[in-house]
Amino acid sequence: MAEARMKHFGWGREDEAMTPEEERFVLDRYRQRFGVDRFDEKTPPKLQELKLPAPRIAPPASLASLCSSDLHDRARHTYGKSYPDYVRGLEGDYGVAPDAVAYPRNETDVIALLDWAASLGAAVIPVWRRIQRGRWHRASP
C-alpha cells in the first residue's frame, strides 16, 4: 500500500490529524506561552488556493526525472516548521516558493544538480529528514 504524502502545510501526512485532546493541549500551551485567553483561529490555506509564482527555471532533460515543479512539492518546501514560517504559511504568503524541488538518488545526482544550479547562479537548499534508526537521509517525495 502506498504511503500517504506529507502535508503541504504543517507536520505529518495528509491522512493524519490531531485528536481533539491533542488540539486542546496545544492551544492550552500557546495560551500559557503568549498569556492570552483565546486565539482567532485561522485555517491553513488549501493547496489548490495557493498562488505560487511560476517557476523561473526548468531542469535540463538529463535531470528532469530528479526534479519536480509540482504545486504540492513546491508549497511543501517553501517554509520550515518555525513559528514565523507557520505565520507566513497561514497568511498564504508563498511568493518565495522554490522553482523546483530535486530528489537525488545518489552522490552522482547531487553533483549533477549542484553543477546545474551553479551554472544558473541558483540557490540550493538541502532538506533532510530523520528516520527511526537515527541516520539521516534525504527528504522523500
C-alpha atoms as a PDB file:
ATOM      1  CA  MET A   1       0.000   0.000   0.000  1.00  0.00           C
ATOM      2  CA  ALA A   2       1.333   3.447  -0.917  1.00  0.00           C
ATOM      3  CA  GLU A   3       2.261   5.731   1.947  1.00  0.00           C
ATOM      4  CA  ALA A   4       0.261   8.976   2.184  1.00  0.00           C
ATOM      5  CA  ARG A   5       2.221  12.027   1.118  1.00  0.00           C
ATOM      6  CA  MET A   6       3.333  14.716   3.533  1.00  0.00           C
ATOM      7  CA  LYS A   7       1.077  17.704   4.168  1.00  0.00           C
ATOM      8  CA  HIS A   8       1.863  20.868   2.217  1.00  0.00           C
ATOM      9  CA  PHE A   9       1.405  22.831   5.468  1.00  0.00           C
ATOM     10  CA  GLY A  10       2.222  21.658   8.973  1.00  0.00           C
ATOM     11  CA  TRP A  11       3.525  18.371  10.280  1.00  0.00           C
ATOM     12  CA  GLY A  12       2.621  14.858   9.273  1.00  0.00           C
ATOM     13  CA  ARG A  13       0.950  13.110   6.400  1.00  0.00           C
ATOM     14  CA  GLU A  14      -2.222  14.185   4.627  1.00  0.00           C
ATOM     15  CA  ASP A  15      -4.260  11.385   6.202  1.00  0.00           C
ATOM     16  CA  GLU A  16      -3.200  12.335   9.754  1.00  0.00           C
ATOM     17  CA  ALA A  17      -4.683  14.934  12.077  1.00  0.00           C
ATOM     18  CA  MET A  18      -4.514  15.849  15.741  1.00  0.00           C
ATOM     19  CA  THR A  19      -7.174  14.449  18.025  1.00  0.00           C
ATOM     20  CA  PRO A  20      -9.429  16.942  19.813  1.00  0.00           C
ATOM     21  CA  GLU A  21      -7.458  16.220  23.020  1.00  0.00           C
ATOM     22  CA  GLU A  22      -4.167  16.995  21.269  1.00  0.00           C
ATOM     23  CA  GLU A  23      -5.595  20.229  19.861  1.00  0.00           C
ATOM     24  CA  ARG A  24      -6.753  21.315  23.327  1.00  0.00           C
ATOM     25  CA  PHE A  25      -3.315  20.517  24.773  1.00  0.00           C
ATOM     26  CA  VAL A  26      -1.503  22.544  22.110  1.00  0.00           C
ATOM     27  CA  LEU A  27      -3.873  25.513  22.379  1.00  0.00           C
ATOM     28  CA  ASP A  28      -3.553  25.486  26.176  1.00  0.00           C
ATOM     29  CA  ARG A  29       0.247  25.584  25.832  1.00  0.00           C
ATOM     30  CA  TYR A  30       0.013  28.502  23.395  1.00  0.00           C
ATOM     31  CA  ARG A  31      -2.383  30.370  25.714  1.00  0.00           C
ATOM     32  CA  GLN A  32       0.078  29.962  28.577  1.00  0.00           C
ATOM     33  CA  ARG A  33       3.074  30.884  26.438  1.00  0.00           C
ATOM     34  CA  PHE A  34       1.504  34.023  24.959  1.00  0.00           C
ATOM     35  CA  GLY A  35      -0.554  34.997  28.023  1.00  0.00           C
ATOM     36  CA  VAL A  36      -3.907  35.145  26.235  1.00  0.00           C
ATOM     37  CA  ASP A  37      -7.291  33.551  26.881  1.00  0.00           C
ATOM     38  CA  ARG A  38      -8.186  32.824  23.283  1.00  0.00           C
ATOM     39  CA  PHE A  39      -6.926  32.962  19.719  1.00  0.00           C
ATOM     40  CA  ASP A  40      -8.526  33.969  16.492  1.00  0.00           C
ATOM     41  CA  GLU A  41      -8.432  30.707  14.593  1.00  0.00           C
ATOM     42  CA  LYS A  42      -7.163  30.634  11.050  1.00  0.00           C
ATOM     43  CA  THR A  43      -7.364  27.580   8.827  1.00  0.00           C
ATOM     44  CA  PRO A  44      -4.324  26.816   6.675  1.00  0.00           C
ATOM     45  CA  PRO A  45      -4.942  27.547   3.003  1.00  0.00           C
ATOM     46  CA  LYS A  46      -5.908  24.591   0.867  1.00  0.00           C
ATOM     47  CA  LEU A  47      -3.308  23.523  -1.669  1.00  0.00           C
ATOM     48  CA  GLN A  48      -5.486  24.498  -4.633  1.00  0.00           C
ATOM     49  CA  GLU A  49      -5.950  28.012  -3.157  1.00  0.00           C
ATOM     50  CA  LEU A  50      -2.221  28.785  -3.098  1.00  0.00           C
ATOM     51  CA  LYS A  51      -0.789  31.263  -5.564  1.00  0.00           C
ATOM     52  CA  LEU A  52       2.843  30.421  -6.286  1.00  0.00           C
ATOM     53  CA  PRO A  53       4.935  32.352  -8.780  1.00  0.00           C
ATOM     54  CA  ALA A  54       5.680  30.467 -11.973  1.00  0.00           C
ATOM     55  CA  PRO A  55       8.960  28.548 -11.870  1.00  0.00           C
ATOM     56  CA  ARG A  56      11.767  30.636 -13.345  1.00  0.00           C
ATOM     57  CA  ILE A  57      13.924  27.653 -14.249  1.00  0.00           C
ATOM     58  CA  ALA A  58      13.408  24.175 -15.641  1.00  0.00           C
ATOM     59  CA  PRO A  59      15.858  21.314 -15.328  1.00  0.00           C
ATOM     60  CA  PRO A  60      17.612  20.015 -18.397  1.00  0.00           C
ATOM     61  CA  ALA A  61      16.315  16.726 -19.803  1.00  0.00           C
ATOM     62  CA  SER A  62      19.166  14.853 -18.104  1.00  0.00           C
ATOM     63  CA  LEU A  63      17.912  15.972 -14.657  1.00  0.00           C
ATOM     64  CA  ALA A  64      14.167  16.230 -15.281  1.00  0.00           C
ATOM     65  CA  SER A  65      13.419  12.847 -13.722  1.00  0.00           C
ATOM     66  CA  LEU A  66      15.007  14.047 -10.452  1.00  0.00           C
ATOM     67  CA  CYS A  67      13.086  17.318 -10.237  1.00  0.00           C
ATOM     68  CA  SER A  68       9.542  18.423  -9.584  1.00  0.00           C
ATOM     69  CA  SER A  69       7.813  21.748 -10.143  1.00  0.00           C
ATOM     70  CA  ASP A  70       4.549  20.289  -8.860  1.00  0.00           C
ATOM     71  CA  LEU A  71       2.425  22.665  -6.756  1.00  0.00           C
ATOM     72  CA  HIS A  72       2.441  20.308  -3.758  1.00  0.00           C
ATOM     73  CA  ASP A  73       6.220  19.787  -3.772  1.00  0.00           C
ATOM     74  CA  ARG A  74       6.949  23.480  -4.175  1.00  0.00           C
ATOM     75  CA  ALA A  75       4.458  24.507  -1.456  1.00  0.00           C
ATOM     76  CA  ARG A  76       5.685  21.839   0.975  1.00  0.00           C
ATOM     77  CA  HIS A  77       9.278  23.020   0.604  1.00  0.00           C
ATOM     78  CA  THR A  78       8.572  26.770   0.775  1.00  0.00           C
ATOM     79  CA  TYR A  79       8.921  27.014   4.550  1.00  0.00           C
ATOM     80  CA  GLY A  80      10.297  25.169   7.532  1.00  0.00           C
ATOM     81  CA  LYS A  81       8.397  24.463  10.726  1.00  0.00           C
ATOM     82  CA  SER A  82       9.269  27.537  12.811  1.00  0.00           C
ATOM     83  CA  TYR A  83       6.608  29.841  14.238  1.00  0.00           C
ATOM     84  CA  PRO A  84       7.377  32.679  11.744  1.00  0.00           C
ATOM     85  CA  ASP A  85       7.167  30.147   8.891  1.00  0.00           C
ATOM     86  CA  TYR A  86       3.755  28.986  10.115  1.00  0.00           C
ATOM     87  CA  VAL A  87       2.505  32.565  10.244  1.00  0.00           C
ATOM     88  CA  ARG A  88       3.654  33.206   6.662  1.00  0.00           C
ATOM     89  CA  GLY A  89       2.038  29.977   5.511  1.00  0.00           C
ATOM     90  CA  LEU A  90      -1.240  30.756   7.290  1.00  0.00           C
ATOM     91  CA  GLU A  91      -1.254  34.135   5.584  1.00  0.00           C
ATOM     92  CA  GLY A  92      -0.918  32.368   2.233  1.00  0.00           C
ATOM     93  CA  ASP A  93       2.425  34.022   1.530  1.00  0.00           C
ATOM     94  CA  TYR A  94       4.063  31.547  -0.866  1.00  0.00           C
ATOM     95  CA  GLY A  95       5.840  34.107  -3.044  1.00  0.00           C
ATOM     96  CA  VAL A  96       9.217  32.642  -2.069  1.00  0.00           C
ATOM     97  CA  ALA A  97       8.376  29.098  -3.187  1.00  0.00           C
ATOM     98  CA  PRO A  98      11.260  27.190  -4.755  1.00  0.00           C
ATOM     99  CA  ASP A  99      11.268  26.973  -8.535  1.00  0.00           C
ATOM    100  CA  ALA A 100      11.921  23.243  -8.395  1.00  0.00           C
ATOM    101  CA  VAL A 101      12.413  20.513  -5.814  1.00  0.00           C
ATOM    102  CA  ALA A 102      15.069  17.894  -6.523  1.00  0.00           C
ATOM    103  CA  TYR A 103      15.116  14.330  -5.242  1.00  0.00           C
ATOM    104  CA  PRO A 104      18.635  12.988  -5.880  1.00  0.00           C
ATOM    105  CA  ARG A 105      19.128   9.242  -5.524  1.00  0.00           C
ATOM    106  CA  ASN A 106      22.876   9.191  -5.049  1.00  0.00           C
ATOM    107  CA  GLU A 107      26.049  11.267  -4.909  1.00  0.00           C
ATOM    108  CA  THR A 108      26.300  11.459  -8.699  1.00  0.00           C
ATOM    109  CA  ASP A 109      22.825  13.025  -8.859  1.00  0.00           C
ATOM    110  CA  VAL A 110      23.782  15.536  -6.161  1.00  0.00           C
ATOM    111  CA  ILE A 111      26.876  16.597  -8.091  1.00  0.00           C
ATOM    112  CA  ALA A 112      24.910  16.955 -11.353  1.00  0.00           C
ATOM    113  CA  LEU A 113      22.183  19.009  -9.625  1.00  0.00           C
ATOM    114  CA  LEU A 114      24.708  21.278  -7.916  1.00  0.00           C
ATOM    115  CA  ASP A 115      26.613  21.796 -11.183  1.00  0.00           C
ATOM    116  CA  TRP A 116      23.372  22.710 -12.958  1.00  0.00           C
ATOM    117  CA  ALA A 117      22.332  25.129 -10.174  1.00  0.00           C
ATOM    118  CA  ALA A 118      25.790  26.711 -10.143  1.00  0.00           C
ATOM    119  CA  SER A 119      25.637  27.258 -13.913  1.00  0.00           C
ATOM    120  CA  LEU A 120      22.436  29.273 -13.371  1.00  0.00           C
ATOM    121  CA  GLY A 121      23.548  31.027 -10.201  1.00  0.00           C
ATOM    122  CA  ALA A 122      20.586  29.348  -8.458  1.00  0.00           C
ATOM    123  CA  ALA A 123      20.450  28.674  -4.718  1.00  0.00           C
ATOM    124  CA  VAL A 124      20.250  25.096  -3.467  1.00  0.00           C
ATOM    125  CA  ILE A 125      18.723  24.407  -0.071  1.00  0.00           C
ATOM    126  CA  PRO A 126      19.171  20.821   1.161  1.00  0.00           C
ATOM    127  CA  VAL A 127      16.363  19.263   3.185  1.00  0.00           C
ATOM    128  CA  TRP A 128      16.946  16.192   5.292  1.00  0.00           C
ATOM    129  CA  ARG A 129      14.702  14.022   7.385  1.00  0.00           C
ATOM    130  CA  ARG A 130      15.498  11.806  10.340  1.00  0.00           C
ATOM    131  CA  ILE A 131      14.492   8.160  10.184  1.00  0.00           C
ATOM    132  CA  GLN A 132      13.798   5.766  13.043  1.00  0.00           C
ATOM    133  CA  ARG A 133      17.270   4.211  13.221  1.00  0.00           C
ATOM    134  CA  GLY A 134      18.816   7.641  13.813  1.00  0.00           C
ATOM    135  CA  ARG A 135      20.552   8.011  10.446  1.00  0.00           C
ATOM    136  CA  TRP A 136      19.937  10.996   8.225  1.00  0.00           C
ATOM    137  CA  HIS A 137      18.517  10.630   4.723  1.00  0.00           C
ATOM    138  CA  ARG A 138      17.288  12.995   2.064  1.00  0.00           C
ATOM    139  CA  ALA A 139      13.674  14.117   2.226  1.00  0.00           C
ATOM    140  CA  SER A 140      11.369  11.759   0.373  1.00  0.00           C
ATOM    141  CA  PRO A 141       8.883  12.991  -2.228  1.00  0.00           C
END
